Protein backbone atom coordinates (compact mmCIF):
# COMPACT_ATOMS: atom_id res chain seq x y z
CA MET A 1 0.08 -0.07 0.15
CA PRO A 2 1.74 3.33 -0.80
CA SER A 3 2.16 5.97 1.58
CA SER A 4 0.81 9.13 1.26
CA SER A 5 4.15 11.99 0.42
CA THR A 6 2.50 14.65 2.00
CA HIS A 7 3.80 16.18 4.97
CA THR A 8 1.54 16.23 8.18
CA THR A 9 1.99 19.53 10.69
CA LEU A 10 2.69 19.29 14.26
CA SER A 11 -0.90 20.19 14.90
CA GLU A 12 -2.45 17.63 12.40
CA ARG A 13 -0.32 15.03 14.05
CA HIS A 14 -1.50 15.96 17.59
CA LEU A 15 -5.33 15.94 16.22
CA LEU A 16 -4.47 12.46 14.99
CA HIS A 17 -3.10 11.19 18.12
CA LEU A 18 -6.16 13.09 19.88
CA TYR A 19 -8.39 10.77 17.67
CA ILE A 20 -6.67 7.64 18.28
CA THR A 21 -6.88 8.00 21.91
CA THR A 22 -10.31 9.21 22.03
CA TYR A 23 -11.64 6.87 19.59
CA ARG A 24 -10.59 3.95 21.37
CA GLN A 25 -11.60 4.91 24.53
CA LEU A 26 -15.25 5.58 22.81
CA HIS A 27 -15.16 2.43 20.78
CA HIS A 28 -16.18 0.50 24.08
CA THR A 29 -18.11 3.01 25.59
CA SER A 30 -20.46 4.83 23.31
CA PRO A 31 -20.06 3.19 19.71
CA THR A 32 -22.35 5.96 18.64
CA LEU A 33 -19.85 8.94 20.00
CA ALA A 34 -16.86 7.04 18.40
CA TYR A 35 -18.52 6.82 14.67
CA HIS A 36 -19.51 11.01 15.21
CA LEU A 37 -15.83 11.31 16.18
CA THR A 38 -14.38 9.91 13.34
CA GLN A 39 -16.35 11.86 11.00
CA HIS A 40 -15.41 15.14 12.40
CA PHE A 41 -11.82 14.42 12.74
CA SER A 42 -12.26 13.06 8.88
CA SER A 43 -13.50 16.68 7.91
CA LEU A 44 -10.80 18.25 9.99
CA LEU A 45 -8.04 16.29 9.07
CA GLU A 46 -9.18 15.71 5.23
CA LEU A 47 -8.35 12.14 5.52
CA PRO A 48 -10.91 9.62 4.60
CA VAL A 49 -12.94 7.90 7.57
CA SER A 50 -11.30 4.09 6.42
CA SER A 51 -7.90 5.75 6.88
CA LEU A 52 -8.58 7.36 10.29
CA VAL A 53 -10.38 4.22 11.72
CA GLU A 54 -6.62 2.02 10.01
CA ARG A 55 -4.92 4.40 12.07
CA ALA A 56 -6.79 4.33 15.05
CA THR A 57 -6.84 0.20 14.89
CA ALA A 58 -3.35 -0.32 13.45
CA ASN A 59 -0.57 1.27 16.06
CA GLN A 60 -0.66 -1.43 18.43
CA LYS A 61 1.87 0.11 20.50
CA LEU A 62 -0.46 3.42 21.11
CA TRP A 63 -3.50 0.31 21.95
CA TRP A 64 -1.36 -1.28 24.21
CA GLU A 65 -0.14 1.49 26.20
CA TRP A 66 -3.79 2.67 26.50
CA LYS A 67 -4.62 -0.64 27.62
CA VAL A 68 -2.19 -0.46 30.17
CA TYR A 69 -3.16 3.01 31.30
CA LEU A 70 -6.94 1.72 31.67
CA ARG A 71 -5.68 -0.95 34.28
CA LYS A 72 -3.40 1.54 36.53
CA HIS A 73 -6.45 4.05 36.58
CA GLU A 74 -10.33 3.63 36.84
CA LYS A 75 -12.65 4.10 34.39
CA SER A 76 -14.05 7.33 35.59
CA GLU A 77 -10.75 8.63 35.41
CA ALA A 78 -10.10 7.74 31.68
CA LEU A 79 -13.26 8.98 30.76
CA TYR A 80 -12.47 12.80 32.54
CA SER A 81 -8.92 12.29 30.22
CA VAL A 82 -11.27 11.75 27.40
CA SER A 83 -13.26 14.77 28.08
CA PHE A 84 -10.26 16.70 28.68
CA LEU A 85 -9.19 15.42 24.83
CA LEU A 86 -12.53 16.63 23.15
CA GLY A 87 -12.31 19.93 24.82
CA ASP A 88 -8.69 20.53 23.48
CA VAL A 89 -10.31 19.64 20.03
CA SER A 90 -13.27 22.10 20.80
CA ARG A 91 -10.39 24.86 21.62
CA GLU A 92 -8.40 24.59 18.54
CA LEU A 93 -11.63 24.97 16.08
CA ARG A 94 -12.30 27.81 18.40
CA GLU A 95 -9.03 29.23 17.45
CA ARG A 96 -9.53 28.35 13.83
CA GLY A 97 -12.85 30.70 13.61
CA ARG A 98 -15.21 27.37 13.33
CA LYS A 99 -17.39 27.96 16.53
CA GLU A 100 -20.13 25.58 15.42
CA GLU A 101 -18.55 22.97 15.32
CA ALA A 102 -16.40 24.04 18.15
CA GLY A 103 -19.74 23.94 20.31
CA VAL A 104 -20.37 20.32 18.98
CA TRP A 105 -17.05 19.43 20.35
CA LYS A 106 -17.67 21.36 23.60
CA GLY A 107 -21.16 19.28 23.88
CA TRP A 108 -19.66 16.35 23.27
CA ALA A 109 -16.71 16.67 26.28
CA LEU A 110 -19.49 17.42 28.82
CA GLU A 111 -21.34 14.35 27.54
CA VAL A 112 -18.42 12.39 28.48
CA VAL A 113 -17.93 14.38 31.85
CA GLY A 114 -21.45 12.98 32.79
CA MET A 115 -20.78 9.55 31.66
CA ALA A 116 -17.15 9.94 33.92
CA ASP A 117 -19.69 11.50 37.16
CA ARG A 118 -21.75 8.07 36.70
CA GLU A 119 -19.14 6.10 36.64
CA GLU A 120 -17.10 7.53 39.56
CA GLY A 121 -20.35 7.40 41.62
CA GLU A 122 -20.91 3.79 40.82
CA GLU A 123 -17.10 2.92 41.54
CA ARG A 124 -17.78 4.88 45.09
CA ARG A 125 -20.47 3.15 46.04
CA GLY A 126 -18.79 -0.47 45.08
CA ARG A 127 -15.85 0.29 47.17
CA GLY A 128 -18.20 1.34 49.93
CA MET A 129 -20.01 -2.16 49.95
CA GLY A 130 -17.02 -4.54 49.15
CA GLY A 131 -13.85 -2.73 50.76
């Protein structure tokens, strides 16, 4: 498979890394959100959806690091980290003048915060019962 000869900017590489990290978490917790995430990153990075998904699932080193992270941290903490990533994308879009899209991403960040809050509540209840 021929590789692309176009160079990616540091910002684009950062966004791709954000996408890969975020997609892998959301793929398990909210497949619908992961799908929307892929569509928006595809537009943002001007890469085909298939290319993005391929990158998200092919980089085994990143995937392994993320699995290790999830094992070392509670699920709520992992979700909070995802919400920060979504917030970063929102800020980047706002800085580029894409306010409407930035609002969508901010909404997703808040949605993930809600998921994390619920998860944290369940984790607290679990510790209180079993300890």
